[in-house]
């Protein structure tokens, strides 16, 4: 099994037309260093076409297919940020103020 979360980013090098499939187990950031890459994920009805310098967040648990376009592509996969798992500060407010706290004017 291909792990998308080693301690350091995983480097990918695809030849023109080469396909790679994987299913990330955690949020993963794909950064295209050179070339052009077609990316699609199950559950996403859009195709993504990345050019050098562009980044895409891969959703965990979704089969992901990459294909290098003409000239090939070099990319890196690194652990991404799961924005959904972090509580926004205002959602924590009830926990910060004790129940029954009263304000006076």
C-alpha atoms as a PDB file:
ATOM      1  CA  UNK A   1       0.000   0.000   0.000  1.00  0.00           C
ATOM      2  CA  UNK A   2       1.232   3.477  -0.869  1.00  0.00           C
ATOM      3  CA  UNK A   3       1.341   5.706   2.194  1.00  0.00           C
ATOM      4  CA  UNK A   4       0.711   9.378   1.507  1.00  0.00           C
ATOM      5  CA  UNK A   5       1.965  10.412   4.951  1.00  0.00           C
ATOM      6  CA  UNK A   6       5.653   9.702   5.380  1.00  0.00           C
ATOM      7  CA  UNK A   7       7.642  12.079   7.619  1.00  0.00           C
ATOM      8  CA  UNK A   8       8.702  14.030   4.515  1.00  0.00           C
ATOM      9  CA  UNK A   9       6.826  14.754   1.297  1.00  0.00           C
ATOM     10  CA  UNK A  10       6.715  11.878  -1.184  1.00  0.00           C
ATOM     11  CA  UNK A  11       8.085  12.764  -4.616  1.00  0.00           C
ATOM     12  CA  UNK A  12       6.300  11.664  -7.779  1.00  0.00           C
ATOM     13  CA  UNK A  13       7.764  11.543 -11.255  1.00  0.00           C
ATOM     14  CA  UNK A  14       5.386  10.512 -14.052  1.00  0.00           C
ATOM     15  CA  UNK A  15       6.203  10.089 -17.736  1.00  0.00           C
ATOM     16  CA  UNK A  16       3.856  11.507 -20.367  1.00  0.00           C
ATOM     17  CA  UNK A  17       0.627   9.483 -20.361  1.00  0.00           C
ATOM     18  CA  UNK A  18       1.573   7.510 -17.225  1.00  0.00           C
ATOM     19  CA  UNK A  19      -1.254   6.832 -14.740  1.00  0.00           C
ATOM     20  CA  UNK A  20      -1.040   6.559 -10.957  1.00  0.00           C
ATOM     21  CA  UNK A  21      -3.885   5.708  -8.604  1.00  0.00           C
ATOM     22  CA  UNK A  22      -4.010   5.969  -4.818  1.00  0.00           C
ATOM     23  CA  UNK A  23      -6.488   6.480  -1.998  1.00  0.00           C
ATOM     24  CA  UNK A  24      -5.178   8.897   0.639  1.00  0.00           C
ATOM     25  CA  UNK A  25      -5.968   7.928   4.223  1.00  0.00           C
ATOM     26  CA  UNK A  26      -5.597  11.510   5.517  1.00  0.00           C
ATOM     27  CA  UNK A  27      -5.881  14.984   4.011  1.00  0.00           C
ATOM     28  CA  UNK A  28      -3.035  15.316   1.528  1.00  0.00           C
ATOM     29  CA  UNK A  29      -1.594  18.256  -0.370  1.00  0.00           C
ATOM     30  CA  UNK A  30      -0.521  17.660  -3.958  1.00  0.00           C
ATOM     31  CA  UNK A  31       1.958  20.240  -5.262  1.00  0.00           C
ATOM     32  CA  UNK A  32       2.912  20.125  -8.932  1.00  0.00           C
ATOM     33  CA  UNK A  33       6.544  21.118  -9.378  1.00  0.00           C
ATOM     34  CA  UNK A  34       6.793  20.791 -13.162  1.00  0.00           C
ATOM     35  CA  UNK A  35       4.769  19.701 -16.149  1.00  0.00           C
ATOM     36  CA  UNK A  36       1.024  19.219 -16.373  1.00  0.00           C
ATOM     37  CA  UNK A  37      -1.181  16.755 -14.509  1.00  0.00           C
ATOM     38  CA  UNK A  38      -4.785  15.604 -14.824  1.00  0.00           C
ATOM     39  CA  UNK A  39      -6.337  14.658 -11.459  1.00  0.00           C
ATOM     40  CA  UNK A  40      -9.749  13.207 -10.639  1.00  0.00           C
ATOM     41  CA  UNK A  41     -11.229  11.835  -7.401  1.00  0.00           C
ATOM     42  CA  UNK A  42     -14.276   9.691  -6.754  1.00  0.00           C
ATOM     43  CA  UNK A  43     -17.110  11.809  -5.394  1.00  0.00           C
ATOM     44  CA  UNK A  44     -15.920  14.882  -7.328  1.00  0.00           C
ATOM     45  CA  UNK A  45     -17.581  15.330 -10.713  1.00  0.00           C
ATOM     46  CA  UNK A  46     -14.880  17.753 -11.876  1.00  0.00           C
ATOM     47  CA  UNK A  47     -11.597  16.972 -13.572  1.00  0.00           C
ATOM     48  CA  UNK A  48      -8.636  19.039 -12.387  1.00  0.00           C
ATOM     49  CA  UNK A  49      -5.822  20.110 -14.704  1.00  0.00           C
ATOM     50  CA  UNK A  50      -2.810  21.326 -12.770  1.00  0.00           C
ATOM     51  CA  UNK A  51       0.145  23.253 -14.133  1.00  0.00           C
ATOM     52  CA  UNK A  52       3.556  23.747 -12.544  1.00  0.00           C
ATOM     53  CA  UNK A  53       3.332  25.626  -9.262  1.00  0.00           C
ATOM     54  CA  UNK A  54      -0.300  24.748  -8.552  1.00  0.00           C
ATOM     55  CA  UNK A  55      -1.538  22.902  -5.464  1.00  0.00           C
ATOM     56  CA  UNK A  56      -4.599  20.742  -4.798  1.00  0.00           C
ATOM     57  CA  UNK A  57      -6.016  19.262  -1.601  1.00  0.00           C
ATOM     58  CA  UNK A  58      -6.814  15.538  -1.873  1.00  0.00           C
ATOM     59  CA  UNK A  59      -9.767  14.252   0.123  1.00  0.00           C
ATOM     60  CA  UNK A  60      -9.122  11.203   2.332  1.00  0.00           C
ATOM     61  CA  UNK A  61     -10.874   7.976   1.425  1.00  0.00           C
ATOM     62  CA  UNK A  62     -11.413   8.918  -2.222  1.00  0.00           C
ATOM     63  CA  UNK A  63      -9.775   6.978  -5.032  1.00  0.00           C
ATOM     64  CA  UNK A  64      -7.541   9.475  -6.831  1.00  0.00           C
ATOM     65  CA  UNK A  65      -6.241   9.094 -10.382  1.00  0.00           C
ATOM     66  CA  UNK A  66      -3.333  11.122 -11.791  1.00  0.00           C
ATOM     67  CA  UNK A  67      -2.170  11.213 -15.394  1.00  0.00           C
ATOM     68  CA  UNK A  68       0.808  13.176 -16.637  1.00  0.00           C
ATOM     69  CA  UNK A  69       0.175  15.136 -19.780  1.00  0.00           C
ATOM     70  CA  UNK A  70       2.693  15.691 -22.591  1.00  0.00           C
ATOM     71  CA  UNK A  71       6.221  16.068 -21.270  1.00  0.00           C
ATOM     72  CA  UNK A  72       5.534  14.306 -17.956  1.00  0.00           C
ATOM     73  CA  UNK A  73       5.162  15.769 -14.489  1.00  0.00           C
ATOM     74  CA  UNK A  74       6.984  16.013 -11.167  1.00  0.00           C
ATOM     75  CA  UNK A  75       4.965  16.508  -7.994  1.00  0.00           C
ATOM     76  CA  UNK A  76       5.062  16.041  -4.249  1.00  0.00           C
ATOM     77  CA  UNK A  77       2.485  14.622  -1.831  1.00  0.00           C
ATOM     78  CA  UNK A  78       2.568  15.848   1.758  1.00  0.00           C
ATOM     79  CA  UNK A  79       0.259  15.689   4.759  1.00  0.00           C
ATOM     80  CA  UNK A  80      -2.386  18.367   4.375  1.00  0.00           C
ATOM     81  CA  UNK A  81      -4.546  20.240   6.833  1.00  0.00           C
ATOM     82  CA  UNK A  82      -7.969  18.825   7.661  1.00  0.00           C
ATOM     83  CA  UNK A  83      -9.835  22.105   8.026  1.00  0.00           C
ATOM     84  CA  UNK A  84     -12.986  20.314   9.104  1.00  0.00           C
ATOM     85  CA  UNK A  85     -11.399  18.841  12.225  1.00  0.00           C
ATOM     86  CA  UNK A  86     -10.458  22.153  13.810  1.00  0.00           C
ATOM     87  CA  UNK A  87     -13.118  23.986  15.759  1.00  0.00           C
ATOM     88  CA  UNK A  88     -13.459  27.623  14.982  1.00  0.00           C
ATOM     89  CA  UNK A  89     -12.964  29.808  18.059  1.00  0.00           C
ATOM     90  CA  UNK A  90     -16.591  30.975  18.188  1.00  0.00           C
ATOM     91  CA  UNK A  91     -17.792  27.359  18.317  1.00  0.00           C
ATOM     92  CA  UNK A  92     -15.792  26.886  21.525  1.00  0.00           C
ATOM     93  CA  UNK A  93     -17.278  29.919  23.309  1.00  0.00           C
ATOM     94  CA  UNK A  94     -19.963  27.984  25.236  1.00  0.00           C
ATOM     95  CA  UNK A  95     -17.188  25.847  26.713  1.00  0.00           C
ATOM     96  CA  UNK A  96     -15.185  28.918  27.752  1.00  0.00           C
ATOM     97  CA  UNK A  97     -18.029  30.518  29.719  1.00  0.00           C
ATOM     98  CA  UNK A  98     -19.446  28.504  32.589  1.00  0.00           C
ATOM     99  CA  UNK A  99     -23.139  27.663  32.544  1.00  0.00           C
ATOM    100  CA  UNK A 100     -25.260  30.089  34.504  1.00  0.00           C
ATOM    101  CA  UNK A 101     -22.840  32.994  34.091  1.00  0.00           C
ATOM    102  CA  UNK A 102     -24.827  36.213  34.388  1.00  0.00           C
ATOM    103  CA  UNK A 103     -23.903  39.646  33.209  1.00  0.00           C
ATOM    104  CA  UNK A 104     -24.953  42.803  34.993  1.00  0.00           C
ATOM    105  CA  UNK A 105     -25.226  46.296  33.588  1.00  0.00           C
END
